[in-house]
Amino acid sequence: KRDHRRLGRELDLFHMDEHSPGTVFRHPKGWTVWQAVEQYMRAVYRDNGYQEVKGPQILDKGLWEKTGHWDKYREQHVHDRIGKARLRAQADELPGPHPDLQARHQELP
């Protein structure tokens, strides 16, 4: 059976820990792979006229609902409240919704 968690462990790329559900702790080999993929994707973006952006790791639930991410991914990440704000933590590996960007996945390289 294909399972990224098993591969991460067997290839000594990363491990997951119950104290931080949904995230990985990268080992040196895993960080090297991550950086290589990141550099490759930056070249693809640059060569196709795209600019890189980085958003916050914790976002209000309203933005997730607006972009459709809430219904699709709500069970996979950590949720909390601060006062009246309904927040969702974003895993670093996944792009979160960005209020200023409205590109569809078909438009991306």
Protein backbone atom coordinates (compact mmCIF):
# COMPACT_ATOMS: atom_id res chain seq x y z
CA LYS A 1 0.00 0.00 0.00
CA ARG A 2 1.27 3.49 -0.84
CA ASP A 3 1.68 5.62 2.24
CA HIS A 4 3.85 8.73 2.47
CA ARG A 5 4.22 8.26 6.23
CA ARG A 6 5.73 4.81 5.75
CA LEU A 7 8.04 6.05 2.98
CA GLY A 8 9.16 9.00 5.10
CA ARG A 9 10.08 6.65 7.92
CA GLU A 10 11.71 3.96 5.75
CA LEU A 11 13.74 6.46 3.69
CA ASP A 12 14.65 8.50 6.79
CA LEU A 13 13.11 11.64 5.25
CA PHE A 14 10.80 12.69 8.09
CA HIS A 15 8.69 11.52 10.97
CA MET A 16 5.33 12.55 12.34
CA ASP A 17 4.59 13.11 15.99
CA GLU A 18 1.36 13.04 17.97
CA HIS A 19 2.29 16.40 19.55
CA SER A 20 1.93 18.14 16.19
CA PRO A 21 -0.76 16.34 14.18
CA GLY A 22 -0.77 16.88 10.44
CA THR A 23 2.83 18.10 10.28
CA VAL A 24 6.18 16.49 9.63
CA PHE A 25 9.56 16.81 11.30
CA ARG A 26 12.04 16.70 8.43
CA HIS A 27 15.29 14.83 8.81
CA PRO A 28 18.44 16.06 6.99
CA LYS A 29 17.77 13.93 3.88
CA GLY A 30 14.14 15.02 3.80
CA TRP A 31 15.09 18.68 4.09
CA THR A 32 17.53 18.26 1.19
CA VAL A 33 14.75 16.78 -0.96
CA TRP A 34 12.34 19.56 0.11
CA GLN A 35 14.83 22.27 -0.83
CA ALA A 36 15.56 20.67 -4.23
CA VAL A 37 11.85 20.54 -5.09
CA GLU A 38 11.38 24.09 -3.82
CA GLN A 39 14.26 25.38 -5.99
CA TYR A 40 12.91 23.53 -9.03
CA MET A 41 9.42 24.98 -8.54
CA ARG A 42 10.82 28.49 -8.10
CA ALA A 43 12.55 28.13 -11.47
CA VAL A 44 9.29 26.92 -13.06
CA TYR A 45 7.39 29.87 -11.59
CA ARG A 46 10.04 32.37 -12.69
CA ASP A 47 10.28 30.90 -16.21
CA ASN A 48 6.49 31.18 -16.59
CA GLY A 49 6.17 34.73 -15.29
CA TYR A 50 4.73 33.89 -11.87
CA GLN A 51 5.74 35.55 -8.63
CA GLU A 52 6.04 33.73 -5.34
CA VAL A 53 4.00 34.82 -2.32
CA LYS A 54 3.89 33.59 1.27
CA GLY A 55 0.87 33.88 3.52
CA PRO A 56 0.33 33.40 7.25
CA GLN A 57 0.10 30.01 8.87
CA ILE A 58 -3.10 30.79 10.80
CA LEU A 59 -6.10 32.16 8.94
CA ASP A 60 -9.69 33.01 9.80
CA LYS A 61 -12.25 30.38 8.87
CA GLY A 62 -14.07 32.89 6.64
CA LEU A 63 -11.24 32.91 4.08
CA TRP A 64 -11.19 29.10 4.01
CA GLU A 65 -14.95 29.09 3.39
CA LYS A 66 -14.71 31.76 0.67
CA THR A 67 -12.12 29.78 -1.29
CA GLY A 68 -13.82 26.39 -0.85
CA HIS A 69 -10.94 24.97 1.21
CA TRP A 70 -13.05 24.65 4.38
CA ASP A 71 -15.40 21.95 3.10
CA LYS A 72 -12.59 20.08 1.39
CA TYR A 73 -9.87 20.14 4.08
CA ARG A 74 -11.43 21.03 7.44
CA GLU A 75 -10.90 17.58 8.94
CA GLN A 76 -7.18 17.56 8.15
CA HIS A 77 -5.98 20.53 10.19
CA VAL A 78 -6.15 22.10 13.62
CA HIS A 79 -8.99 24.52 14.45
CA ASP A 80 -9.32 26.93 17.35
CA ARG A 81 -11.02 30.10 18.54
CA ILE A 82 -9.45 33.29 19.80
CA GLY A 83 -12.22 35.52 21.04
CA LYS A 84 -14.81 35.51 18.25
CA ALA A 85 -12.32 34.56 15.54
CA ARG A 86 -12.57 31.04 14.17
CA LEU A 87 -9.06 30.06 13.12
CA ARG A 88 -7.46 27.22 11.24
CA ALA A 89 -3.75 26.40 11.28
CA GLN A 90 -2.16 25.85 7.90
CA ALA A 91 0.36 23.08 7.38
CA ASP A 92 3.57 24.49 5.94
CA GLU A 93 3.63 21.91 3.13
CA LEU A 94 0.32 23.01 1.68
CA PRO A 95 -0.56 26.30 0.08
CA GLY A 96 -3.38 28.02 1.88
CA PRO A 97 -5.90 30.38 0.37
CA HIS A 98 -4.61 33.85 -0.43
CA PRO A 99 -7.21 36.64 -0.59
CA ASP A 100 -5.37 38.53 -3.35
CA LEU A 101 -4.80 35.58 -5.66
CA GLN A 102 -7.60 34.07 -7.69
CA ALA A 103 -5.75 31.83 -10.18
CA ARG A 104 -7.42 28.54 -10.93
CA HIS A 105 -5.29 25.40 -10.79
CA GLN A 106 -5.73 24.98 -14.56
CA GLU A 107 -3.93 28.32 -15.06
CA LEU A 108 -0.84 27.33 -13.10
CA PRO A 109 2.26 25.76 -14.70
